[in-house]
Amino acid sequence: MTNLFTLDRFIEGVEVLLEKSLKDLGASRGSLMVVDHKEGVLKIRVAMSVNSSRRLGRDIIAETRIPIGEGIAGTVARLQQPLLINDIEEVKRQFPGLKLTTDSSRYESSLVIPIVDGGVTTAVLNINDKAGGGRFTEENLHFALMLAEYCGIALKLERMNKGILHVNEIIREISLTNSLPAVYRLVITKGAEILDCKTSSLMLVEKDGDGSPCLVVKDSTDPSVVGERRLLGESVSGYVWKTGDPVLIKSIEDDRENRRFKILNKPGSFIVVPLNLKYQTPYALNVALKSVSTIGVLNFTHRYDGSAFTDEQLEAIINYSNLVAIAIEKARFYNESRLAYLSTVKALSAALESKDSYTKGHSDSVESVCSVMADQFGFAEKDKEDLQIAAVLHDIGKIGIPESILKKEGSLTDGEYAKIKTHIEEAENILKHTFYLDNSLAIIRTHHEHFDGSGYPAGLKGEQIPLGGRILAAVDAYHAMSSDRPYRKALAPEVVKEEFRRCSGKQFDPEVTRVLLRVIDTL
């Protein structure tokens, strides 16, 4: 990786060469402008001046935008023809509709060279102001053309390097995510970035209503196609799924007569690549071909610059898709394992509640109110889920508490109360080896802490207690007070509210109390 161009090395190299070239050509200033195909403009990438006091400031460089087709540089970018300018008025006559974006005197003597790659303009090189009012020559133009060719090669090398680094960073970002919707969104948006295209979609293999496998659009830059289905072998996507082979169509008109698939809604150039795994999984529902399981496909169309996809881009996106397939499978495995584990622990929770008719349904009720509280506090989806899981499992440690204590009518002895308090430690012993419950466990661990520090097990106070723990503490207490217990009947709603007001700032977080009292009125 150290032999490849980095952004800083590229800029430094072009600056050094451009500065030397200005001196060799007897020019005062020069710049390299790159094309942003998304915005349809030229942006200054490098700007140099022989006179350091006249160099463009960073703010001007950052703000300059020249639309393709406007101004001298924009016109050269559109026409893809170099201009040798010694008479700006002659240029104006040559291009009657020309709109100059700067003072025309700045172009009295200029060499403006387009840099074209694969028929697409990628940049424009500007050499301006012949020293002493002189004129640029054809020989100077030839020199500038060679300089532009070097800049074009450097730009291409930089794009390749950035592409490699970008893919690595993308895969790292995707791999850190276990939410499947988030993974799907990253896969399509980042894939479109790699290919610099407008439209992308992710299709995964799922079972249809009759149990037969089909491709389903899980996410797309075009929301209207989400949920669409393709059968095995149907359309390009179905063909790629069936064969496990990628398809690159550079131009539909140029395609063969003996097409092996039907093209549906794919105008112009497009790429469809399989998501292949080199091992069998529960999600590879089709028959594995070439010792590969295809779990889905990625579709890409509509490049921003209007050009056709290239073989190099196909190779890059195949490498991307292979890594994406692993990332999707990892997220699926994580979610399946998590659901299986939670189902087991929920069964334990249900078994606990079955020991005590007074607490039957307690966890589900606490979870329901915690869900509403999470929305009131604007929790992110993952934080809300962590709180809901904690609500379901918060009493799991009581599985080891004798029924004689759980069902005791009347006051508990100090020893019995001490035994009850051990359910926090027991919950940790049960849940601590499951890494995806770390955040939920932190909430469970602190849901008997008090805002004033008088709670247990650690005597935390205030914001030392995570917000989820403060919410669960209040909701757990609310449901306990509102339900029949062995030692008393359910308290009246107004009595419950008054108890919360009395304990606000002591046992309960004042803000959590305020929100919960508002939520209670809606239940």
Protein backbone atom coordinates (compact mmCIF):
# COMPACT_ATOMS: atom_id res chain seq x y z
CA MET A 1 0.00 0.00 0.00
CA THR A 2 2.92 2.35 0.63
CA ASN A 3 3.84 2.36 -3.08
CA LEU A 4 0.45 3.73 -4.13
CA PHE A 5 -0.37 7.39 -4.46
CA THR A 6 -1.95 8.99 -1.43
CA LEU A 7 -3.92 12.23 -1.64
CA ASP A 8 -1.13 14.31 -0.09
CA ARG A 9 1.56 12.81 -2.33
CA PHE A 10 -0.56 13.39 -5.42
CA ILE A 11 -1.15 17.07 -4.65
CA GLU A 12 2.48 17.61 -3.70
CA GLY A 13 3.72 15.94 -6.89
CA VAL A 14 1.42 17.91 -9.18
CA GLU A 15 2.22 21.18 -7.40
CA VAL A 16 5.96 20.65 -7.84
CA LEU A 17 5.61 19.71 -11.52
CA LEU A 18 3.15 22.52 -12.26
CA GLU A 19 5.36 25.11 -10.60
CA LYS A 20 8.39 23.96 -12.62
CA SER A 21 6.33 23.88 -15.83
CA LEU A 22 5.15 27.46 -15.31
CA LYS A 23 8.76 28.58 -15.19
CA ASP A 24 9.69 26.51 -18.25
CA LEU A 25 6.75 27.96 -20.21
CA GLY A 26 7.29 31.50 -18.96
CA ALA A 27 3.74 31.57 -17.52
CA SER A 28 2.55 33.34 -14.38
CA ARG A 29 -0.06 30.94 -13.04
CA GLY A 30 -1.71 27.60 -13.61
CA SER A 31 -4.28 25.23 -12.19
CA LEU A 32 -5.63 21.69 -12.43
CA MET A 33 -9.42 21.47 -12.23
CA VAL A 34 -11.19 18.13 -11.78
CA VAL A 35 -14.69 17.26 -12.96
CA ASP A 36 -17.37 16.51 -10.37
CA HIS A 37 -19.86 14.56 -12.45
CA LYS A 38 -22.49 14.55 -9.71
CA GLU A 39 -22.64 18.35 -9.66
CA GLY A 40 -21.68 18.80 -13.31
CA VAL A 41 -18.94 21.29 -12.45
CA LEU A 42 -15.17 21.79 -12.44
CA LYS A 43 -13.47 22.24 -9.08
CA ILE A 44 -9.93 23.52 -8.49
CA ARG A 45 -7.69 20.76 -7.24
CA VAL A 46 -4.28 22.44 -7.54
CA ALA A 47 -3.53 26.13 -8.11
CA MET A 48 -0.04 27.60 -8.50
CA SER A 49 1.41 31.06 -9.15
CA VAL A 50 4.99 32.11 -9.83
CA ASN A 51 4.28 35.14 -7.66
CA SER A 52 3.43 33.66 -4.25
CA SER A 53 1.55 36.82 -3.24
CA ARG A 54 -0.96 36.21 -6.08
CA ARG A 55 -1.72 32.59 -5.24
CA LEU A 56 -5.37 31.75 -4.70
CA GLY A 57 -6.51 31.42 -1.11
CA ARG A 58 -7.89 28.16 0.25
CA ASP A 59 -11.39 29.66 0.50
CA ILE A 60 -11.42 30.63 -3.19
CA ILE A 61 -10.13 27.20 -4.20
CA ALA A 62 -12.80 25.50 -2.08
CA GLU A 63 -15.65 27.68 -3.37
CA THR A 64 -14.84 27.80 -7.10
CA ARG A 65 -17.40 25.92 -9.23
CA ILE A 66 -17.41 26.21 -13.03
CA PRO A 67 -20.36 24.48 -14.72
CA ILE A 68 -19.42 22.18 -17.59
CA GLY A 69 -19.99 24.08 -20.82
CA GLU A 70 -19.53 27.54 -19.26
CA GLY A 71 -16.43 29.69 -19.29
CA ILE A 72 -13.21 28.77 -21.04
CA ALA A 73 -12.44 25.75 -18.86
CA GLY A 74 -16.05 24.52 -18.90
CA THR A 75 -16.20 24.82 -22.70
CA VAL A 76 -12.93 22.91 -23.13
CA ALA A 77 -14.26 20.21 -20.78
CA ARG A 78 -17.40 19.85 -22.89
CA LEU A 79 -15.74 19.97 -26.31
CA GLN A 80 -12.71 17.91 -25.24
CA GLN A 81 -10.51 20.05 -27.47
CA PRO A 82 -7.41 22.00 -26.26
CA LEU A 83 -7.31 25.77 -26.74
CA LEU A 84 -4.26 27.91 -27.39
CA ILE A 85 -5.39 31.45 -26.59
CA ASN A 86 -3.47 34.58 -27.47
CA ASP A 87 -6.49 36.69 -28.42
CA ILE A 88 -9.54 36.35 -26.16
CA GLU A 89 -11.69 38.33 -28.59
CA GLU A 90 -11.01 35.71 -31.28
CA VAL A 91 -12.17 33.01 -28.83
CA LYS A 92 -15.36 34.97 -28.19
CA ARG A 93 -16.03 35.11 -31.93
CA GLN A 94 -15.30 31.40 -32.23
CA PHE A 95 -17.76 30.61 -29.42
CA PRO A 96 -20.55 33.24 -29.62
CA GLY A 97 -22.43 31.89 -26.59
CA LEU A 98 -19.34 31.75 -24.37
CA LYS A 99 -19.93 32.97 -20.82
CA LEU A 100 -16.71 33.98 -19.14
CA THR A 101 -16.74 33.24 -15.42
CA THR A 102 -13.81 35.59 -14.71
CA ASP A 103 -12.32 38.79 -16.11
CA SER A 104 -11.54 38.15 -19.79
CA SER A 105 -8.12 39.79 -19.39
CA ARG A 106 -7.10 36.77 -17.30
CA TYR A 107 -7.30 34.67 -20.47
CA GLU A 108 -5.37 36.99 -22.82
CA SER A 109 -2.74 34.26 -23.12
CA SER A 110 -3.67 30.76 -22.03
CA LEU A 111 -3.25 27.08 -22.70
CA VAL A 112 -6.36 25.13 -21.68
CA ILE A 113 -6.09 21.35 -22.03
CA PRO A 114 -8.84 18.76 -21.39
CA ILE A 115 -7.82 15.51 -19.69
CA VAL A 116 -9.93 12.69 -21.11
CA ASP A 117 -10.11 9.09 -19.92
CA GLY A 118 -12.22 6.55 -21.80
CA GLY A 119 -14.06 9.27 -23.68
CA VAL A 120 -14.97 11.13 -20.48
CA THR A 121 -13.43 14.44 -19.39
CA THR A 122 -11.94 14.01 -15.95
CA ALA A 123 -10.03 17.28 -15.55
CA VAL A 124 -8.83 20.49 -17.24
CA LEU A 125 -5.29 21.89 -17.07
CA ASN A 126 -4.93 25.69 -17.27
CA ILE A 127 -1.66 27.55 -18.03
CA ASN A 128 -2.17 31.33 -17.98
CA ASP A 129 -0.42 34.68 -18.47
CA LYS A 130 2.69 34.49 -20.66
CA ALA A 131 5.36 36.57 -18.98
CA GLY A 132 5.96 40.07 -20.37
CA GLY A 133 2.78 40.01 -22.45
CA GLY A 134 4.19 37.37 -24.77
CA ARG A 135 2.27 34.75 -26.78
CA PHE A 136 2.11 31.02 -26.30
CA THR A 137 3.34 28.92 -29.23
CA GLU A 138 2.38 25.56 -30.72
CA GLU A 139 5.52 24.20 -29.09
CA ASN A 140 4.24 25.46 -25.72
CA LEU A 141 0.92 23.74 -26.44
CA HIS A 142 2.70 20.46 -27.15
CA PHE A 143 4.54 20.76 -23.82
CA ALA A 144 1.26 21.49 -22.02
CA LEU A 145 -0.35 18.43 -23.66
CA MET A 146 2.41 16.21 -22.25
CA LEU A 147 1.95 17.81 -18.82
CA ALA A 148 -1.79 17.14 -19.05
CA GLU A 149 -1.11 13.50 -19.96
CA TYR A 150 1.03 13.13 -16.85
CA CYS A 151 -1.69 14.71 -14.69
CA GLY A 152 -4.24 12.34 -16.24
CA ILE A 153 -2.14 9.29 -15.35
CA ALA A 154 -1.60 10.60 -11.82
CA LEU A 155 -5.34 11.20 -11.43
CA LYS A 156 -6.08 7.67 -12.59
CA LEU A 157 -3.55 6.18 -10.18
CA GLU A 158 -5.00 8.24 -7.38
CA ARG A 159 -8.54 7.08 -8.21
CA MET A 160 -7.37 3.45 -8.16
CA ASN A 161 -5.68 3.93 -4.82
CA LYS A 162 -8.63 5.79 -3.36
CA GLY A 163 -10.88 3.04 -4.67
CA ILE A 164 -8.90 0.37 -2.80
CA LEU A 165 -8.79 2.42 0.38
CA HIS A 166 -12.46 3.34 0.00
CA VAL A 167 -13.55 -0.29 -0.37
CA ASN A 168 -11.50 -1.29 2.67
CA GLU A 169 -13.04 1.51 4.73
CA ILE A 170 -16.53 0.67 3.51
CA ILE A 171 -16.21 -3.01 4.36
CA ARG A 172 -14.88 -2.07 7.79
CA GLU A 173 -17.88 0.21 8.34
CA ILE A 174 -20.34 -2.44 7.15
CA SER A 175 -18.69 -5.13 9.30
CA LEU A 176 -19.13 -2.99 12.42
CA THR A 177 -22.90 -2.92 11.85
CA ASN A 178 -25.23 -5.72 12.88
CA SER A 179 -28.54 -4.07 12.06
CA LEU A 180 -29.61 -5.68 8.77
CA PRO A 181 -31.49 -2.59 7.45
CA ALA A 182 -28.39 -0.48 8.19
CA VAL A 183 -26.17 -3.03 6.43
CA TYR A 184 -28.45 -3.05 3.38
CA ARG A 185 -28.41 0.77 3.19
CA LEU A 186 -24.61 0.90 3.48
CA VAL A 187 -24.17 -1.79 0.82
CA ILE A 188 -26.15 0.09 -1.85
CA THR A 189 -25.01 3.63 -1.07
CA LYS A 190 -21.33 2.75 -0.75
CA GLY A 191 -21.44 0.52 -3.81
CA ALA A 192 -22.89 3.40 -5.81
CA GLU A 193 -20.06 5.60 -4.53
CA ILE A 194 -17.45 3.14 -5.75
CA LEU A 195 -18.95 3.07 -9.26
CA ASP A 196 -19.95 6.76 -9.22
CA CYS A 197 -23.50 5.88 -10.29
CA LYS A 198 -26.99 7.09 -9.38
CA THR A 199 -28.91 3.84 -9.04
CA SER A 200 -28.15 0.69 -7.08
CA SER A 201 -30.16 -2.08 -5.47
CA LEU A 202 -29.60 -5.13 -3.28
CA MET A 203 -31.59 -8.32 -3.87
CA LEU A 204 -31.42 -11.30 -1.52
CA VAL A 205 -32.68 -14.85 -1.84
CA GLU A 206 -35.80 -15.55 0.24
CA LYS A 207 -38.58 -18.10 0.22
CA ASP A 208 -41.77 -17.11 -1.58
CA GLY A 209 -45.25 -17.78 -0.23
CA ASP A 210 -45.28 -21.31 -1.67
CA GLY A 211 -41.85 -22.08 -0.22
CA SER A 212 -39.95 -21.69 -3.50
CA PRO A 213 -36.89 -19.40 -3.53
CA CYS A 214 -36.93 -15.99 -5.22
CA LEU A 215 -34.92 -12.77 -5.27
CA VAL A 216 -36.39 -9.87 -3.26
CA VAL A 217 -35.23 -6.23 -3.44
CA LYS A 218 -34.24 -5.46 0.17
CA ASP A 219 -33.05 -1.89 -0.44
CA SER A 220 -32.48 0.47 -3.35
CA THR A 221 -31.66 4.07 -4.14
CA ASP A 222 -35.08 3.92 -5.85
CA PRO A 223 -37.55 3.18 -3.00
CA SER A 224 -40.32 2.29 -5.46
CA VAL A 225 -38.64 -1.04 -6.37
CA VAL A 226 -38.13 -2.27 -2.78
CA GLY A 227 -40.03 -5.53 -2.36
CA GLU A 228 -39.98 -6.47 -6.05
CA ARG A 229 -39.34 -10.17 -6.74
CA ARG A 230 -37.50 -12.14 -9.41
CA LEU A 231 -37.64 -15.88 -10.01
CA LEU A 232 -34.63 -18.10 -10.62
CA GLY A 233 -33.32 -17.27 -14.10
CA GLU A 234 -35.78 -14.40 -14.67
CA SER A 235 -34.25 -11.15 -16.03
CA VAL A 236 -30.57 -10.28 -15.63
CA SER A 237 -30.75 -10.48 -11.82
CA GLY A 238 -32.32 -13.93 -11.94
CA TYR A 239 -29.73 -15.06 -14.49
CA VAL A 240 -26.86 -13.89 -12.29
CA TRP A 241 -28.44 -15.62 -9.29
CA LYS A 242 -28.88 -18.83 -11.28
CA THR A 243 -25.37 -18.96 -12.72
CA GLY A 244 -23.33 -17.16 -10.07
CA ASP A 245 -21.67 -15.18 -12.89
CA PRO A 246 -21.50 -11.36 -13.06
CA VAL A 247 -22.92 -9.44 -16.05
CA LEU A 248 -21.57 -6.19 -17.51
CA ILE A 249 -23.59 -4.59 -20.31
CA LYS A 250 -21.74 -1.60 -21.76
CA SER A 251 -24.51 -0.84 -24.25
CA ILE A 252 -27.80 -2.66 -24.78
CA GLU A 253 -27.68 -1.87 -28.49
CA ASP A 254 -24.31 -3.59 -28.77
CA ASP A 255 -25.42 -6.76 -27.01
CA ARG A 256 -25.61 -10.12 -28.70
CA GLU A 257 -28.68 -11.47 -30.47
CA ASN A 258 -28.50 -14.75 -28.55
CA ARG A 259 -29.16 -13.08 -25.23
CA ARG A 260 -29.54 -15.56 -22.39
CA PHE A 261 -31.73 -13.33 -20.26
CA LYS A 262 -34.44 -10.69 -20.57
CA ILE A 263 -33.53 -7.12 -19.70
CA LEU A 264 -36.12 -5.40 -17.51
CA ASN A 265 -35.91 -1.64 -16.87
CA LYS A 266 -32.12 -1.47 -17.39
CA PRO A 267 -31.46 1.31 -19.94
CA GLY A 268 -27.90 2.00 -21.02
CA SER A 269 -24.91 0.46 -19.31
CA PHE A 270 -25.33 -1.60 -16.14
CA ILE A 271 -23.60 -4.10 -13.88
CA VAL A 272 -25.18 -7.01 -12.01
CA VAL A 273 -22.91 -9.03 -9.70
CA PRO A 274 -23.66 -12.03 -7.48
CA LEU A 275 -23.17 -12.08 -3.74
CA ASN A 276 -21.22 -15.29 -3.57
CA LEU A 277 -20.12 -17.30 -0.56
CA LYS A 278 -17.63 -20.12 -0.96
CA TYR A 279 -19.51 -22.27 1.53
CA GLN A 280 -23.10 -23.41 2.09
CA THR A 281 -25.33 -21.44 4.48
CA PRO A 282 -29.01 -21.57 5.42
CA TYR A 283 -29.52 -18.48 3.26
CA ALA A 284 -28.11 -19.95 0.03
CA LEU A 285 -31.42 -21.41 -1.12
CA ASN A 286 -30.41 -22.05 -4.72
CA VAL A 287 -28.35 -25.00 -5.88
CA ALA A 288 -24.71 -24.01 -5.46
CA LEU A 289 -22.89 -23.73 -8.75
CA LYS A 290 -19.13 -23.73 -9.20
CA SER A 291 -18.82 -24.64 -5.50
CA VAL A 292 -20.30 -21.22 -4.69
CA SER A 293 -23.52 -20.28 -2.90
CA THR A 294 -25.25 -17.16 -4.23
CA ILE A 295 -27.20 -15.38 -1.51
CA GLY A 296 -28.25 -12.46 -3.70
CA VAL A 297 -27.20 -9.91 -6.32
CA LEU A 298 -26.21 -6.25 -6.56
CA ASN A 299 -27.44 -4.07 -9.45
CA PHE A 300 -25.84 -0.81 -10.62
CA THR A 301 -27.01 1.58 -13.37
CA HIS A 302 -26.83 5.23 -14.52
CA ARG A 303 -23.28 6.53 -14.15
CA TYR A 304 -23.21 10.23 -13.29
CA ASP A 305 -21.02 11.08 -16.26
CA GLY A 306 -23.21 9.06 -18.65
CA SER A 307 -20.37 6.75 -19.66
CA ALA A 308 -20.42 2.96 -19.81
CA PHE A 309 -19.14 0.85 -16.94
CA THR A 310 -15.69 -0.60 -17.58
CA ASP A 311 -14.12 -4.01 -17.07
CA GLU A 312 -11.94 -2.50 -14.34
CA GLN A 313 -15.04 -1.28 -12.51
CA LEU A 314 -16.63 -4.71 -12.86
CA GLU A 315 -13.54 -6.28 -11.27
CA ALA A 316 -13.62 -3.74 -8.43
CA ILE A 317 -17.30 -4.31 -7.67
CA ILE A 318 -16.90 -8.11 -7.80
CA ASN A 319 -14.27 -7.83 -5.06
CA TYR A 320 -16.63 -5.53 -3.16
CA SER A 321 -19.57 -7.93 -3.54
CA ASN A 322 -17.56 -10.88 -2.22
CA LEU A 323 -16.75 -8.92 0.94
CA VAL A 324 -20.33 -7.63 1.16
CA ALA A 325 -21.69 -11.19 1.06
CA ILE A 326 -19.59 -12.09 4.10
CA ALA A 327 -20.70 -8.91 5.93
CA ILE A 328 -24.39 -9.65 5.25
CA GLU A 329 -23.97 -13.25 6.34
CA LYS A 330 -22.25 -12.11 9.53
CA ALA A 331 -25.09 -9.74 10.35
CA ARG A 332 -27.65 -12.44 9.61
CA PHE A 333 -25.81 -14.93 11.81
CA TYR A 334 -25.58 -12.34 14.58
CA ASN A 335 -29.31 -11.62 14.43
CA GLU A 336 -30.31 -15.28 14.20
CA SER A 337 -28.05 -16.18 17.13
CA ARG A 338 -29.33 -13.24 19.11
CA LEU A 339 -32.96 -14.15 18.48
CA ALA A 340 -32.34 -17.78 19.37
CA TYR A 341 -30.60 -16.77 22.60
CA LEU A 342 -33.29 -14.26 23.53
CA SER A 343 -35.98 -16.86 22.89
CA THR A 344 -34.25 -19.18 25.34
CA VAL A 345 -33.84 -16.47 27.96
CA LYS A 346 -37.43 -15.30 27.45
CA ALA A 347 -38.52 -18.87 28.11
CA LEU A 348 -36.55 -18.73 31.38
CA SER A 349 -38.21 -15.41 32.18
CA ALA A 350 -41.62 -16.94 31.53
CA ALA A 351 -40.69 -19.89 33.72
CA LEU A 352 -39.76 -17.45 36.49
CA GLU A 353 -43.06 -15.61 36.22
CA SER A 354 -44.97 -18.89 36.25
CA LYS A 355 -43.57 -19.48 39.75
CA ASP A 356 -45.39 -16.40 40.93
CA SER A 357 -48.90 -15.59 39.71
CA TYR A 358 -48.52 -12.05 41.06
CA THR A 359 -45.69 -11.22 38.65
CA LYS A 360 -47.09 -13.02 35.59
CA GLY A 361 -46.79 -10.70 32.57
CA HIS A 362 -44.66 -8.21 34.54
CA SER A 363 -41.73 -8.22 32.11
CA ASP A 364 -43.93 -7.80 29.04
CA SER A 365 -45.76 -4.87 30.65
CA VAL A 366 -42.50 -3.22 31.69
CA GLU A 367 -41.15 -3.69 28.16
CA SER A 368 -44.24 -2.05 26.65
CA VAL A 369 -43.96 1.08 28.83
CA CYS A 370 -40.16 1.25 28.35
CA SER A 371 -40.72 1.24 24.59
CA VAL A 372 -42.96 4.31 24.90
CA MET A 373 -40.45 6.01 27.21
CA ALA A 374 -37.63 5.35 24.74
CA ASP A 375 -39.64 7.13 22.03
CA GLN A 376 -40.31 10.05 24.38
CA PHE A 377 -36.59 10.45 24.98
CA GLY A 378 -35.77 10.13 21.27
CA PHE A 379 -33.72 6.95 21.59
CA ALA A 380 -32.01 5.62 18.48
CA GLU A 381 -33.38 2.28 17.30
CA LYS A 382 -30.47 0.28 18.75
CA ASP A 383 -30.69 2.05 22.14
CA LYS A 384 -34.44 1.45 22.23
CA GLU A 385 -33.91 -2.23 21.50
CA ASP A 386 -31.30 -2.49 24.27
CA LEU A 387 -33.78 -1.00 26.74
CA GLN A 388 -36.58 -3.30 25.61
CA ILE A 389 -34.36 -6.37 26.00
CA ALA A 390 -33.31 -5.18 29.48
CA ALA A 391 -36.99 -4.74 30.38
CA VAL A 392 -37.76 -8.32 29.36
CA LEU A 393 -34.75 -9.80 31.19
CA HIS A 394 -34.41 -7.48 34.19
CA ASP A 395 -35.70 -10.04 36.71
CA ILE A 396 -34.05 -13.10 35.16
CA GLY A 397 -31.72 -13.36 38.18
CA LYS A 398 -34.70 -14.19 40.39
CA ILE A 399 -34.77 -17.64 38.81
CA GLY A 400 -32.48 -18.68 41.66
CA ILE A 401 -34.48 -17.03 44.46
CA PRO A 402 -36.57 -19.49 46.56
CA GLU A 403 -40.32 -19.30 45.94
CA SER A 404 -40.82 -18.96 49.69
CA ILE A 405 -39.19 -15.54 49.49
CA LEU A 406 -40.76 -14.46 46.19
CA LYS A 407 -44.27 -15.33 47.38
CA LYS A 408 -43.90 -14.29 51.00
CA GLU A 409 -46.78 -12.27 52.38
CA GLY A 410 -45.71 -9.50 54.66
CA SER A 411 -42.31 -7.91 55.25
CA LEU A 412 -39.05 -9.61 54.35
CA THR A 413 -36.34 -10.18 56.92
CA ASP A 414 -32.96 -8.51 56.39
CA GLY A 415 -31.57 -11.84 55.25
CA GLU A 416 -34.42 -12.41 52.81
CA TYR A 417 -34.05 -8.91 51.42
CA ALA A 418 -30.30 -9.48 51.02
CA LYS A 419 -31.12 -12.66 49.08
CA ILE A 420 -33.54 -10.75 46.82
CA LYS A 421 -30.80 -8.20 46.07
CA THR A 422 -28.54 -10.96 44.73
CA HIS A 423 -30.79 -11.25 41.65
CA ILE A 424 -28.70 -8.48 40.04
CA GLU A 425 -25.53 -10.56 40.42
CA GLU A 426 -27.33 -13.69 39.25
CA ALA A 427 -28.62 -11.87 36.15
CA GLU A 428 -25.08 -10.86 35.31
CA ASN A 429 -23.87 -14.44 35.69
CA ILE A 430 -26.57 -15.61 33.29
CA LEU A 431 -26.13 -12.89 30.65
CA LYS A 432 -22.50 -11.75 30.83
CA HIS A 433 -21.11 -14.18 28.25
CA THR A 434 -23.39 -12.87 25.50
CA PHE A 435 -21.59 -9.89 23.94
CA TYR A 436 -24.62 -8.46 22.15
CA LEU A 437 -26.36 -8.04 25.52
CA ASP A 438 -23.62 -5.82 26.95
CA ASN A 439 -25.67 -2.63 26.75
CA SER A 440 -28.81 -4.31 28.07
CA LEU A 441 -26.83 -5.84 30.93
CA ALA A 442 -25.55 -2.38 31.92
CA ILE A 443 -29.20 -1.28 32.21
CA ILE A 444 -30.21 -4.38 34.19
CA ARG A 445 -27.21 -3.95 36.49
CA THR A 446 -28.30 -0.40 37.42
CA HIS A 447 -32.11 -0.57 37.54
CA HIS A 448 -32.11 -0.73 41.36
CA GLU A 449 -29.74 2.22 41.76
CA HIS A 450 -31.35 5.38 43.16
CA PHE A 451 -30.90 8.88 41.79
CA ASP A 452 -29.61 10.08 45.19
CA GLY A 453 -27.09 7.22 45.48
CA SER A 454 -28.99 5.18 48.08
CA GLY A 455 -29.71 2.20 45.80
CA TYR A 456 -27.82 -1.00 45.05
CA PRO A 457 -25.59 -2.77 44.07
CA ALA A 458 -22.97 -0.02 43.52
CA GLY A 459 -24.55 3.06 45.12
CA LEU A 460 -24.38 5.03 41.87
CA LYS A 461 -26.08 8.41 41.72
CA GLY A 462 -27.37 10.89 39.15
CA GLU A 463 -25.91 10.53 35.68
CA GLN A 464 -23.55 7.82 36.86
CA ILE A 465 -26.59 5.65 36.24
CA PRO A 466 -27.20 5.16 32.49
CA LEU A 467 -30.41 6.74 31.25
CA GLY A 468 -31.77 3.31 30.35
CA GLY A 469 -31.22 2.19 33.94
CA ARG A 470 -33.02 5.26 35.29
CA ILE A 471 -35.96 4.65 32.96
CA LEU A 472 -36.21 0.94 33.78
CA ALA A 473 -36.05 1.72 37.51
CA ALA A 474 -39.03 4.06 37.25
CA VAL A 475 -41.09 1.83 34.95
CA ASP A 476 -40.38 -1.27 37.05
CA ALA A 477 -41.52 0.58 40.17
CA TYR A 478 -44.61 1.90 38.37
CA HIS A 479 -45.72 -1.58 37.36
CA ALA A 480 -44.96 -2.98 40.81
CA MET A 481 -47.05 -0.30 42.51
CA SER A 482 -49.88 -0.70 39.97
CA SER A 483 -50.11 -4.50 40.37
CA ASP A 484 -51.31 -6.86 43.07
CA ARG A 485 -48.46 -8.27 45.14
CA PRO A 486 -48.36 -10.95 47.87
CA TYR A 487 -47.95 -8.27 50.53
CA ARG A 488 -50.55 -5.74 49.25
CA LYS A 489 -53.17 -4.91 46.63
CA ALA A 490 -52.43 -2.63 43.64
CA LEU A 491 -52.25 1.05 44.57
CA ALA A 492 -54.73 3.53 43.12
CA PRO A 493 -53.42 5.57 40.12
CA GLU A 494 -53.35 8.86 42.07
CA VAL A 495 -51.48 7.21 44.93
CA VAL A 496 -48.89 5.91 42.44
CA LYS A 497 -48.44 9.36 40.92
CA GLU A 498 -48.08 10.98 44.34
CA GLU A 499 -45.44 8.41 45.31
CA PHE A 500 -43.45 9.29 42.19
CA ARG A 501 -43.69 13.01 42.94
CA ARG A 502 -42.52 12.36 46.53
CA CYS A 503 -39.54 10.26 45.39
CA SER A 504 -38.52 12.47 42.46
CA GLY A 505 -34.89 13.49 42.89
CA LYS A 506 -34.44 10.81 45.55
CA GLN A 507 -35.19 7.35 44.19
CA PHE A 508 -36.08 8.51 40.67
CA ASP A 509 -34.57 10.85 38.09
CA PRO A 510 -36.74 14.01 38.07
CA GLU A 511 -36.83 14.22 34.26
CA VAL A 512 -37.67 10.52 33.91
CA THR A 513 -40.39 11.00 36.53
CA ARG A 514 -41.88 13.96 34.65
CA VAL A 515 -42.01 12.02 31.37
CA LEU A 516 -43.35 8.83 32.98
CA LEU A 517 -46.19 10.72 34.70
CA ARG A 518 -47.15 12.10 31.30
CA VAL A 519 -46.95 8.63 29.72
CA ILE A 520 -49.04 7.08 32.51
CA ASP A 521 -51.97 9.31 31.53
CA THR A 522 -51.94 7.81 28.02
CA LEU A 523 -51.90 4.16 29.10
